[in-house]
């Protein structure tokens, strides 16, 4: 019985380790900023 509990604990720790690794082992600066499409600059109406 103790062996089954230890195995379940090991599986849980492995699962938590994998989730932790995938969440926090990305790029150092995070995701790069999204490139915004070029906006057309409007000229003010000349009166």
N, C-alpha and C. Protein backbone atom coordinates (compact mmCIF):
# COMPACT_ATOMS: atom_id res chain seq x y z
N UNK A 1 0.83 -1.20 0.00
CA UNK A 1 0.00 0.00 0.00
C UNK A 1 0.87 1.26 0.00
N UNK A 2 1.93 1.22 0.81
CA UNK A 2 2.83 2.37 0.88
C UNK A 2 3.51 2.60 -0.46
N UNK A 3 3.84 1.53 -1.15
CA UNK A 3 4.49 1.64 -2.45
C UNK A 3 3.56 2.30 -3.48
N UNK A 4 2.29 2.01 -3.43
CA UNK A 4 1.32 2.63 -4.34
C UNK A 4 1.21 4.12 -4.06
N UNK A 5 1.19 4.51 -2.79
CA UNK A 5 1.12 5.92 -2.43
C UNK A 5 2.38 6.68 -2.86
N UNK A 6 3.53 6.06 -2.69
CA UNK A 6 4.78 6.69 -3.13
C UNK A 6 4.81 6.85 -4.65
N UNK A 7 4.31 5.87 -5.35
CA UNK A 7 4.26 5.94 -6.81
C UNK A 7 3.30 7.04 -7.26
N UNK A 8 2.16 7.16 -6.59
CA UNK A 8 1.21 8.21 -6.93
C UNK A 8 1.79 9.59 -6.63
N UNK A 9 2.52 9.71 -5.54
CA UNK A 9 3.17 10.98 -5.19
C UNK A 9 4.24 11.33 -6.21
N UNK A 10 5.00 10.36 -6.64
CA UNK A 10 6.02 10.58 -7.66
C UNK A 10 5.38 11.03 -8.98
N UNK A 11 4.28 10.40 -9.35
CA UNK A 11 3.58 10.78 -10.59
C UNK A 11 3.04 12.21 -10.47
N UNK A 12 2.51 12.57 -9.32
CA UNK A 12 2.00 13.92 -9.11
C UNK A 12 3.13 14.94 -9.17
N UNK A 13 4.25 14.65 -8.56
CA UNK A 13 5.39 15.56 -8.61
C UNK A 13 5.92 15.70 -10.03
N UNK A 14 5.93 14.61 -10.77
CA UNK A 14 6.36 14.66 -12.16
C UNK A 14 5.41 15.53 -12.99
N UNK A 15 4.12 15.39 -12.77
CA UNK A 15 3.13 16.21 -13.49
C UNK A 15 3.30 17.68 -13.15
N UNK A 16 3.46 18.00 -11.88
CA UNK A 16 3.66 19.39 -11.46
C UNK A 16 4.96 19.94 -12.06
N UNK A 17 5.99 19.13 -12.09
CA UNK A 17 7.26 19.56 -12.68
C UNK A 17 7.14 19.85 -14.16
N UNK A 18 6.41 19.02 -14.88
CA UNK A 18 6.23 19.25 -16.32
C UNK A 18 5.43 20.52 -16.56
N UNK A 19 4.37 20.73 -15.81
CA UNK A 19 3.56 21.95 -15.95
C UNK A 19 4.40 23.18 -15.62
N UNK A 20 5.16 23.12 -14.54
CA UNK A 20 6.02 24.24 -14.14
C UNK A 20 7.03 24.55 -15.25
N UNK A 21 7.63 23.51 -15.80
CA UNK A 21 8.64 23.68 -16.84
C UNK A 21 8.04 24.34 -18.08
N UNK A 22 6.87 23.89 -18.49
CA UNK A 22 6.26 24.46 -19.69
C UNK A 22 5.76 25.87 -19.47
N UNK A 23 5.39 26.23 -18.25
CA UNK A 23 4.89 27.58 -18.01
C UNK A 23 6.00 28.60 -17.88
N UNK A 24 7.10 28.23 -17.25
CA UNK A 24 8.10 29.22 -16.87
C UNK A 24 9.45 29.08 -17.56
N UNK A 25 9.58 28.26 -18.57
CA UNK A 25 10.88 28.14 -19.23
C UNK A 25 10.80 28.66 -20.65
N UNK A 26 10.24 29.83 -20.82
CA UNK A 26 10.13 30.41 -22.15
C UNK A 26 11.28 31.35 -22.43
N UNK A 27 11.03 32.32 -23.25
CA UNK A 27 12.05 33.31 -23.57
C UNK A 27 12.33 34.17 -22.34
N UNK A 28 13.57 34.68 -22.27
CA UNK A 28 13.94 35.51 -21.12
C UNK A 28 13.13 36.79 -21.04
N UNK A 29 12.87 37.42 -22.20
CA UNK A 29 12.11 38.66 -22.21
C UNK A 29 10.63 38.47 -22.45
N UNK A 30 10.15 37.24 -22.43
CA UNK A 30 8.76 36.97 -22.72
C UNK A 30 8.53 36.91 -24.22
N UNK A 31 7.30 37.01 -24.60
CA UNK A 31 6.96 36.97 -26.02
C UNK A 31 7.35 38.28 -26.68
N UNK A 32 7.78 38.24 -27.94
CA UNK A 32 8.10 39.48 -28.63
C UNK A 32 6.83 40.30 -28.87
N UNK A 33 6.96 41.61 -28.94
CA UNK A 33 5.76 42.42 -29.18
C UNK A 33 5.19 42.15 -30.56
N UNK A 34 3.88 42.23 -30.65
CA UNK A 34 3.22 41.98 -31.93
C UNK A 34 3.50 43.15 -32.87
N UNK A 35 3.73 42.83 -34.12
CA UNK A 35 4.00 43.86 -35.11
C UNK A 35 2.65 44.42 -35.58
N UNK A 36 2.50 45.72 -35.39
CA UNK A 36 1.24 46.36 -35.79
C UNK A 36 1.31 46.70 -37.28
N UNK A 37 0.20 46.54 -37.98
CA UNK A 37 0.21 46.93 -39.40
C UNK A 37 0.39 48.43 -39.54
N UNK A 38 1.02 48.82 -40.64
CA UNK A 38 1.28 50.25 -40.85
C UNK A 38 -0.05 51.00 -40.96
N UNK A 39 -0.12 52.12 -40.28
CA UNK A 39 -1.33 52.94 -40.32
C UNK A 39 -1.14 54.06 -41.33
N UNK A 40 -2.20 54.37 -42.02
CA UNK A 40 -2.13 55.49 -42.96
C UNK A 40 -2.26 56.78 -42.16
N UNK A 41 -1.30 57.67 -42.37
CA UNK A 41 -1.36 58.95 -41.67
C UNK A 41 -2.20 59.91 -42.50
N UNK A 42 -3.19 60.46 -41.84
CA UNK A 42 -4.08 61.39 -42.53
C UNK A 42 -3.56 62.81 -42.35
N UNK A 43 -3.60 63.57 -43.43
CA UNK A 43 -3.18 64.96 -43.36
C UNK A 43 -4.38 65.80 -42.91
N UNK A 44 -4.12 66.76 -42.07
CA UNK A 44 -5.26 67.61 -41.64
C UNK A 44 -5.82 68.38 -42.83
N UNK A 45 -7.11 68.59 -42.81
CA UNK A 45 -7.76 69.35 -43.90
C UNK A 45 -7.28 70.78 -43.88
N UNK A 46 -6.84 71.22 -45.04
CA UNK A 46 -6.39 72.61 -45.16
C UNK A 46 -7.56 73.46 -45.65
N UNK A 47 -7.86 74.52 -44.93
CA UNK A 47 -8.97 75.39 -45.29
C UNK A 47 -8.46 76.76 -45.64
